[in-house]
Amino acid sequence: MRFAKILLGVVFIATFSLLGSVTASATHVAPVTGTGNPSCAGGFKIEPVTSGAKGGIVTLTVTGSTFSFTTIDGFLVTSVIVKGGPGFNLYTYPAPGVTSDTGLHSPVNPNGGFAGLSHLCFFGDEKGEPEPPK
């Protein structure tokens, strides 16, 4: 049992060390990179990714392959999924969440640049998850 816990700890540290070496960080947190297309269930999906106010939840400023966000009405963001290419970056913020961040991006492509921004998923605080606009 003790060996299993130690092995799990080593795998955890090695995984996050490797991920940290291939991803740039946002202003507040470093992203964790994954592959595939994660679900936006329980969150607020933005597609296409363009500058402006989105669904009364956030205002985006897109600059090339990166973006920043500011929430509307003090909504607290607890995590953001940034989908691009074959993978995604997951930005997770400490409690209680944040109202803004800058420099968010999709995963790094093999050529060293960021993948294009496919879609975003914002997840919120205990006040309830945002509903998509109708």
N, C-alpha and C. Protein backbone atom coordinates (compact mmCIF):
# COMPACT_ATOMS: atom_id res chain seq x y z
N MET A 1 0.83 -1.20 0.00
CA MET A 1 0.00 0.00 0.00
C MET A 1 0.87 1.26 0.00
N ARG A 2 1.89 1.27 0.86
CA ARG A 2 2.78 2.43 0.94
C ARG A 2 3.51 2.63 -0.38
N PHE A 3 3.96 1.51 -0.99
CA PHE A 3 4.65 1.58 -2.27
C PHE A 3 3.74 2.18 -3.34
N ALA A 4 2.47 1.80 -3.33
CA ALA A 4 1.52 2.32 -4.31
C ALA A 4 1.34 3.83 -4.16
N LYS A 5 1.28 4.31 -2.92
CA LYS A 5 1.14 5.75 -2.70
C LYS A 5 2.37 6.50 -3.16
N ILE A 6 3.55 5.94 -2.89
CA ILE A 6 4.79 6.58 -3.33
C ILE A 6 4.86 6.60 -4.85
N LEU A 7 4.52 5.47 -5.48
CA LEU A 7 4.53 5.40 -6.94
C LEU A 7 3.54 6.40 -7.54
N LEU A 8 2.37 6.51 -6.98
CA LEU A 8 1.38 7.48 -7.45
C LEU A 8 1.91 8.89 -7.33
N GLY A 9 2.56 9.21 -6.24
CA GLY A 9 3.15 10.54 -6.05
C GLY A 9 4.22 10.84 -7.08
N VAL A 10 5.08 9.87 -7.37
CA VAL A 10 6.13 10.05 -8.37
C VAL A 10 5.52 10.27 -9.75
N VAL A 11 4.52 9.48 -10.11
CA VAL A 11 3.84 9.64 -11.41
C VAL A 11 3.20 11.02 -11.49
N PHE A 12 2.54 11.46 -10.43
CA PHE A 12 1.88 12.77 -10.40
C PHE A 12 2.91 13.88 -10.63
N ILE A 13 4.01 13.85 -9.90
CA ILE A 13 5.04 14.89 -10.02
C ILE A 13 5.66 14.86 -11.42
N ALA A 14 5.97 13.67 -11.93
CA ALA A 14 6.57 13.56 -13.26
C ALA A 14 5.63 14.08 -14.33
N THR A 15 4.35 13.75 -14.23
CA THR A 15 3.37 14.20 -15.22
C THR A 15 3.27 15.71 -15.24
N PHE A 16 3.14 16.33 -14.09
CA PHE A 16 2.99 17.78 -14.05
C PHE A 16 4.28 18.50 -14.37
N SER A 17 5.43 17.90 -14.11
CA SER A 17 6.71 18.49 -14.51
C SER A 17 6.82 18.51 -16.02
N LEU A 18 6.44 17.40 -16.66
CA LEU A 18 6.48 17.32 -18.11
C LEU A 18 5.50 18.30 -18.73
N LEU A 19 4.29 18.36 -18.23
CA LEU A 19 3.29 19.28 -18.78
C LEU A 19 3.74 20.72 -18.61
N GLY A 20 4.33 21.04 -17.50
CA GLY A 20 4.79 22.40 -17.26
C GLY A 20 5.88 22.81 -18.23
N SER A 21 6.64 21.83 -18.75
CA SER A 21 7.73 22.17 -19.65
C SER A 21 7.26 22.45 -21.07
N VAL A 22 6.04 22.04 -21.43
CA VAL A 22 5.58 22.25 -22.80
C VAL A 22 4.46 23.28 -22.89
N THR A 23 4.05 23.86 -21.79
CA THR A 23 2.98 24.84 -21.85
C THR A 23 3.43 26.15 -21.22
N ALA A 24 2.96 27.23 -21.81
CA ALA A 24 3.22 28.53 -21.20
C ALA A 24 2.12 28.80 -20.18
N SER A 25 2.36 29.72 -19.29
CA SER A 25 1.36 29.96 -18.26
C SER A 25 0.56 31.23 -18.54
N ALA A 26 -0.62 31.26 -17.99
CA ALA A 26 -1.45 32.46 -18.03
C ALA A 26 -0.99 33.36 -16.89
N THR A 27 -1.64 34.48 -16.74
CA THR A 27 -1.27 35.41 -15.69
C THR A 27 -1.35 34.78 -14.31
N HIS A 28 -2.40 34.01 -14.04
CA HIS A 28 -2.63 33.51 -12.69
C HIS A 28 -2.31 32.04 -12.49
N VAL A 29 -2.51 31.20 -13.46
CA VAL A 29 -2.30 29.77 -13.31
C VAL A 29 -1.70 29.17 -14.57
N ALA A 30 -0.97 28.08 -14.42
CA ALA A 30 -0.45 27.35 -15.57
C ALA A 30 -1.50 26.34 -16.01
N PRO A 31 -1.67 26.15 -17.32
CA PRO A 31 -2.66 25.18 -17.79
C PRO A 31 -2.13 23.75 -17.69
N VAL A 32 -3.07 22.83 -17.60
CA VAL A 32 -2.79 21.40 -17.72
C VAL A 32 -3.31 21.00 -19.09
N THR A 33 -2.48 20.34 -19.89
CA THR A 33 -2.84 19.98 -21.25
C THR A 33 -3.39 18.57 -21.31
N GLY A 34 -4.44 18.40 -22.14
CA GLY A 34 -5.02 17.08 -22.36
C GLY A 34 -5.32 16.89 -23.83
N THR A 35 -5.69 15.68 -24.20
CA THR A 35 -6.04 15.40 -25.59
C THR A 35 -7.53 15.08 -25.69
N GLY A 36 -8.06 15.24 -26.88
CA GLY A 36 -9.47 14.95 -27.11
C GLY A 36 -10.32 16.18 -27.00
N ASN A 37 -11.61 15.94 -26.84
CA ASN A 37 -12.59 17.02 -26.81
C ASN A 37 -13.42 16.90 -25.53
N PRO A 38 -13.01 17.57 -24.45
CA PRO A 38 -13.73 17.43 -23.18
C PRO A 38 -15.12 18.05 -23.24
N SER A 39 -15.98 17.59 -22.38
CA SER A 39 -17.36 18.07 -22.32
C SER A 39 -17.44 19.45 -21.67
N CYS A 40 -18.36 20.24 -22.16
CA CYS A 40 -18.66 21.53 -21.54
C CYS A 40 -19.90 21.43 -20.65
N ALA A 41 -20.37 20.21 -20.37
CA ALA A 41 -21.57 20.02 -19.56
C ALA A 41 -21.40 20.73 -18.21
N GLY A 42 -22.39 21.53 -17.85
CA GLY A 42 -22.34 22.29 -16.60
C GLY A 42 -21.61 23.61 -16.73
N GLY A 43 -21.11 23.90 -17.91
CA GLY A 43 -20.39 25.15 -18.14
C GLY A 43 -21.04 25.97 -19.23
N PHE A 44 -20.36 27.02 -19.62
CA PHE A 44 -20.84 27.94 -20.65
C PHE A 44 -19.89 27.86 -21.82
N LYS A 45 -20.37 27.37 -22.96
CA LYS A 45 -19.54 27.17 -24.15
C LYS A 45 -19.57 28.40 -25.04
N ILE A 46 -18.39 28.80 -25.51
CA ILE A 46 -18.28 29.93 -26.44
C ILE A 46 -17.65 29.40 -27.73
N GLU A 47 -18.42 29.52 -28.80
CA GLU A 47 -17.95 29.10 -30.12
C GLU A 47 -18.71 29.87 -31.17
N PRO A 48 -18.08 30.58 -32.05
CA PRO A 48 -16.65 30.75 -32.25
C PRO A 48 -16.05 31.68 -31.19
N VAL A 49 -14.73 31.65 -31.12
CA VAL A 49 -14.00 32.47 -30.14
C VAL A 49 -13.67 33.81 -30.79
N THR A 50 -14.43 34.84 -30.40
CA THR A 50 -14.23 36.19 -30.91
C THR A 50 -14.31 37.18 -29.76
N SER A 51 -13.77 38.36 -29.97
CA SER A 51 -13.81 39.40 -28.94
C SER A 51 -15.23 39.89 -28.73
N GLY A 52 -15.53 40.30 -27.49
CA GLY A 52 -16.82 40.89 -27.17
C GLY A 52 -17.47 40.24 -25.96
N ALA A 53 -18.64 40.77 -25.59
CA ALA A 53 -19.41 40.24 -24.46
C ALA A 53 -20.08 38.94 -24.90
N LYS A 54 -20.04 37.94 -24.04
CA LYS A 54 -20.56 36.62 -24.38
C LYS A 54 -21.58 36.16 -23.35
N GLY A 55 -22.84 36.11 -23.74
CA GLY A 55 -23.89 35.54 -22.92
C GLY A 55 -24.12 36.19 -21.57
N GLY A 56 -23.67 37.42 -21.39
CA GLY A 56 -23.84 38.07 -20.09
C GLY A 56 -22.95 37.49 -19.01
N ILE A 57 -21.98 36.65 -19.39
CA ILE A 57 -21.10 35.99 -18.44
C ILE A 57 -19.71 36.61 -18.45
N VAL A 58 -19.09 36.70 -19.64
CA VAL A 58 -17.72 37.21 -19.75
C VAL A 58 -17.60 38.13 -20.96
N THR A 59 -16.56 38.96 -20.90
CA THR A 59 -16.14 39.74 -22.05
C THR A 59 -14.76 39.23 -22.44
N LEU A 60 -14.61 38.86 -23.72
CA LEU A 60 -13.34 38.34 -24.22
C LEU A 60 -12.61 39.40 -25.04
N THR A 61 -11.30 39.37 -24.96
CA THR A 61 -10.45 40.15 -25.84
C THR A 61 -9.50 39.14 -26.47
N VAL A 62 -9.71 38.87 -27.77
CA VAL A 62 -8.90 37.89 -28.48
C VAL A 62 -7.82 38.64 -29.25
N THR A 63 -6.57 38.20 -29.06
CA THR A 63 -5.43 38.79 -29.76
C THR A 63 -4.63 37.66 -30.37
N GLY A 64 -4.84 37.41 -31.66
CA GLY A 64 -4.14 36.30 -32.32
C GLY A 64 -4.57 34.97 -31.72
N SER A 65 -3.61 34.25 -31.16
CA SER A 65 -3.87 32.91 -30.61
C SER A 65 -4.09 32.91 -29.10
N THR A 66 -4.15 34.09 -28.49
CA THR A 66 -4.38 34.18 -27.04
C THR A 66 -5.60 35.04 -26.76
N PHE A 67 -6.09 34.97 -25.53
CA PHE A 67 -7.22 35.81 -25.16
C PHE A 67 -7.17 36.13 -23.68
N SER A 68 -7.92 37.14 -23.32
CA SER A 68 -8.12 37.49 -21.92
C SER A 68 -9.62 37.55 -21.68
N PHE A 69 -10.01 37.43 -20.41
CA PHE A 69 -11.43 37.54 -20.09
C PHE A 69 -11.61 38.38 -18.84
N THR A 70 -12.76 39.01 -18.77
CA THR A 70 -13.24 39.71 -17.58
C THR A 70 -14.69 39.31 -17.42
N THR A 71 -15.07 38.95 -16.20
CA THR A 71 -16.45 38.52 -16.01
C THR A 71 -17.39 39.72 -15.90
N ILE A 72 -18.64 39.44 -16.15
CA ILE A 72 -19.70 40.45 -16.06
C ILE A 72 -20.43 40.21 -14.75
N ASP A 73 -20.72 41.26 -14.02
CA ASP A 73 -21.47 41.19 -12.75
C ASP A 73 -20.78 40.35 -11.68
N GLY A 74 -19.44 40.31 -11.70
CA GLY A 74 -18.70 39.65 -10.63
C GLY A 74 -18.76 38.15 -10.60
N PHE A 75 -19.21 37.52 -11.70
CA PHE A 75 -19.24 36.06 -11.76
C PHE A 75 -17.83 35.53 -11.51
N LEU A 76 -17.69 34.50 -10.68
CA LEU A 76 -16.39 33.92 -10.36
C LEU A 76 -16.13 32.69 -11.22
N VAL A 77 -15.06 32.75 -12.00
CA VAL A 77 -14.67 31.63 -12.86
C VAL A 77 -13.77 30.70 -12.07
N THR A 78 -14.14 29.42 -12.03
CA THR A 78 -13.33 28.43 -11.32
C THR A 78 -12.44 27.63 -12.27
N SER A 79 -12.83 27.53 -13.55
CA SER A 79 -11.97 26.87 -14.53
C SER A 79 -12.40 27.26 -15.94
N VAL A 80 -11.44 27.12 -16.86
CA VAL A 80 -11.68 27.40 -18.28
C VAL A 80 -11.02 26.30 -19.09
N ILE A 81 -11.77 25.73 -20.03
CA ILE A 81 -11.20 24.80 -21.00
C ILE A 81 -11.00 25.57 -22.29
N VAL A 82 -9.80 25.48 -22.85
CA VAL A 82 -9.48 26.13 -24.12
C VAL A 82 -9.17 25.03 -25.12
N LYS A 83 -10.09 24.78 -26.06
CA LYS A 83 -9.94 23.71 -27.05
C LYS A 83 -9.30 24.26 -28.29
N GLY A 84 -8.33 23.53 -28.83
CA GLY A 84 -7.67 23.90 -30.08
C GLY A 84 -6.85 22.73 -30.59
N GLY A 85 -6.91 22.47 -31.89
CA GLY A 85 -6.19 21.33 -32.45
C GLY A 85 -6.71 20.03 -31.86
N PRO A 86 -5.84 19.03 -31.68
CA PRO A 86 -6.29 17.75 -31.15
C PRO A 86 -6.39 17.71 -29.62
N GLY A 87 -6.13 18.83 -28.96
CA GLY A 87 -6.12 18.83 -27.50
C GLY A 87 -6.78 20.04 -26.89
N PHE A 88 -6.54 20.21 -25.59
CA PHE A 88 -7.11 21.33 -24.85
C PHE A 88 -6.19 21.70 -23.70
N ASN A 89 -6.33 22.92 -23.24
CA ASN A 89 -5.69 23.38 -22.00
C ASN A 89 -6.79 23.60 -20.98
N LEU A 90 -6.54 23.15 -19.76
CA LEU A 90 -7.47 23.36 -18.65
C LEU A 90 -6.80 24.30 -17.66
N TYR A 91 -7.42 25.45 -17.45
CA TYR A 91 -6.97 26.43 -16.46
C TYR A 91 -7.90 26.30 -15.26
N THR A 92 -7.36 25.98 -14.09
CA THR A 92 -8.15 25.83 -12.87
C THR A 92 -7.67 26.86 -11.86
N TYR A 93 -8.60 27.63 -11.33
CA TYR A 93 -8.29 28.73 -10.41
C TYR A 93 -8.60 28.33 -8.97
N PRO A 94 -7.79 28.82 -8.03
CA PRO A 94 -8.06 28.51 -6.63
C PRO A 94 -9.37 29.16 -6.17
N ALA A 95 -9.99 28.55 -5.16
CA ALA A 95 -11.24 29.08 -4.60
C ALA A 95 -10.98 30.48 -4.07
N PRO A 96 -11.91 31.36 -4.25
CA PRO A 96 -13.27 31.15 -4.74
C PRO A 96 -13.42 31.30 -6.25
N GLY A 97 -12.33 31.53 -6.98
CA GLY A 97 -12.38 31.76 -8.42
C GLY A 97 -11.84 33.14 -8.74
N VAL A 98 -11.85 33.51 -10.02
CA VAL A 98 -11.32 34.80 -10.46
C VAL A 98 -12.35 35.51 -11.32
N THR A 99 -12.16 36.80 -11.47
CA THR A 99 -13.03 37.59 -12.35
C THR A 99 -12.32 38.00 -13.63
N SER A 100 -11.03 37.66 -13.76
CA SER A 100 -10.31 37.98 -14.99
C SER A 100 -9.02 37.18 -15.07
N ASP A 101 -8.49 37.08 -16.28
CA ASP A 101 -7.17 36.49 -16.52
C ASP A 101 -6.74 36.91 -17.92
N THR A 102 -5.45 36.81 -18.18
CA THR A 102 -4.90 37.17 -19.49
C THR A 102 -3.94 36.09 -19.96
N GLY A 103 -3.69 36.09 -21.26
CA GLY A 103 -2.70 35.19 -21.83
C GLY A 103 -3.12 33.74 -21.95
N LEU A 104 -4.41 33.44 -21.89
CA LEU A 104 -4.87 32.07 -22.04
C LEU A 104 -4.74 31.65 -23.50
N HIS A 105 -4.51 30.35 -23.72
CA HIS A 105 -4.29 29.86 -25.08
C HIS A 105 -4.57 28.37 -25.15
N SER A 106 -4.64 27.86 -26.38
CA SER A 106 -4.80 26.43 -26.61
C SER A 106 -3.43 25.76 -26.50
N PRO A 107 -3.37 24.42 -26.63
CA PRO A 107 -2.08 23.73 -26.53
C PRO A 107 -1.10 24.15 -27.62
N VAL A 108 0.15 23.84 -27.37
CA VAL A 108 1.23 24.13 -28.32
C VAL A 108 1.23 23.06 -29.41
N ASN A 109 1.29 23.52 -30.67
CA ASN A 109 1.39 22.62 -31.82
C ASN A 109 2.82 22.09 -31.94
N PRO A 110 3.03 21.03 -32.74
CA PRO A 110 4.40 20.53 -32.96
C PRO A 110 5.35 21.59 -33.53
N ASN A 111 4.79 22.59 -34.25
CA ASN A 111 5.64 23.64 -34.82
C ASN A 111 6.04 24.70 -33.80
N GLY A 112 5.55 24.58 -32.56
CA GLY A 112 5.91 25.52 -31.50
C GLY A 112 4.91 26.63 -31.27
N GLY A 113 3.96 26.83 -32.19
CA GLY A 113 2.93 27.84 -32.00
C GLY A 113 1.70 27.25 -31.32
N PHE A 114 0.79 28.11 -30.92
CA PHE A 114 -0.45 27.64 -30.31
C PHE A 114 -1.43 27.19 -31.38
N ALA A 115 -2.18 26.14 -31.10
CA ALA A 115 -3.25 25.70 -32.00
C ALA A 115 -4.31 26.80 -32.07
N GLY A 116 -5.07 26.84 -33.15
CA GLY A 116 -6.15 27.82 -33.27
C GLY A 116 -7.19 27.60 -32.19
N LEU A 117 -7.88 28.67 -31.82
CA LEU A 117 -8.90 28.60 -30.78
C LEU A 117 -10.19 28.04 -31.36
N SER A 118 -10.54 26.82 -30.98
CA SER A 118 -11.76 26.17 -31.47
C SER A 118 -12.97 26.62 -30.67
N HIS A 119 -12.96 26.38 -29.35
CA HIS A 119 -14.03 26.84 -28.48
C HIS A 119 -13.53 26.90 -27.04
N LEU A 120 -14.30 27.59 -26.20
CA LEU A 120 -13.97 27.77 -24.79
C LEU A 120 -15.13 27.27 -23.95
N CYS A 121 -14.82 26.80 -22.76
CA CYS A 121 -15.85 26.42 -21.78
C CYS A 121 -15.50 27.09 -20.46
N PHE A 122 -16.40 27.91 -19.97
CA PHE A 122 -16.21 28.57 -18.68
C PHE A 122 -17.07 27.88 -17.63
N PHE A 123 -16.48 27.64 -16.47
CA PHE A 123 -17.19 27.04 -15.34
C PHE A 123 -17.12 28.00 -14.17
N GLY A 124 -18.22 28.04 -13.39
CA GLY A 124 -18.35 29.08 -12.39
C GLY A 124 -18.47 28.62 -10.97
N ASP A 125 -18.73 29.61 -10.13
CA ASP A 125 -18.75 29.45 -8.68
C ASP A 125 -20.02 28.78 -8.17
N GLU A 126 -20.13 28.69 -6.85
CA GLU A 126 -21.25 28.01 -6.21
C GLU A 126 -22.59 28.72 -6.41
N LYS A 127 -22.59 29.88 -7.04
CA LYS A 127 -23.84 30.59 -7.32
C LYS A 127 -24.62 29.89 -8.42
N GLY A 128 -24.01 28.88 -9.01
CA GLY A 128 -24.68 28.14 -10.09
C GLY A 128 -23.93 28.34 -11.39
N GLU A 129 -24.01 27.35 -12.23
CA GLU A 129 -23.34 27.41 -13.51
C GLU A 129 -24.14 28.31 -14.46
N PRO A 130 -23.43 29.02 -15.33
CA PRO A 130 -24.14 29.88 -16.28
C PRO A 130 -24.95 29.08 -17.27
N GLU A 131 -26.09 29.58 -17.65
CA GLU A 131 -26.91 28.96 -18.67
C GLU A 131 -26.52 29.55 -20.03
N PRO A 132 -26.45 28.73 -21.08
CA PRO A 132 -26.17 29.27 -22.41
C PRO A 132 -27.25 30.26 -22.83
N PRO A 133 -26.87 31.29 -23.59
CA PRO A 133 -27.89 32.24 -24.06
C PRO A 133 -28.85 31.55 -25.01
N LYS A 134 -30.07 32.03 -25.05
CA LYS A 134 -31.08 31.43 -25.95
C LYS A 134 -31.28 32.29 -27.16
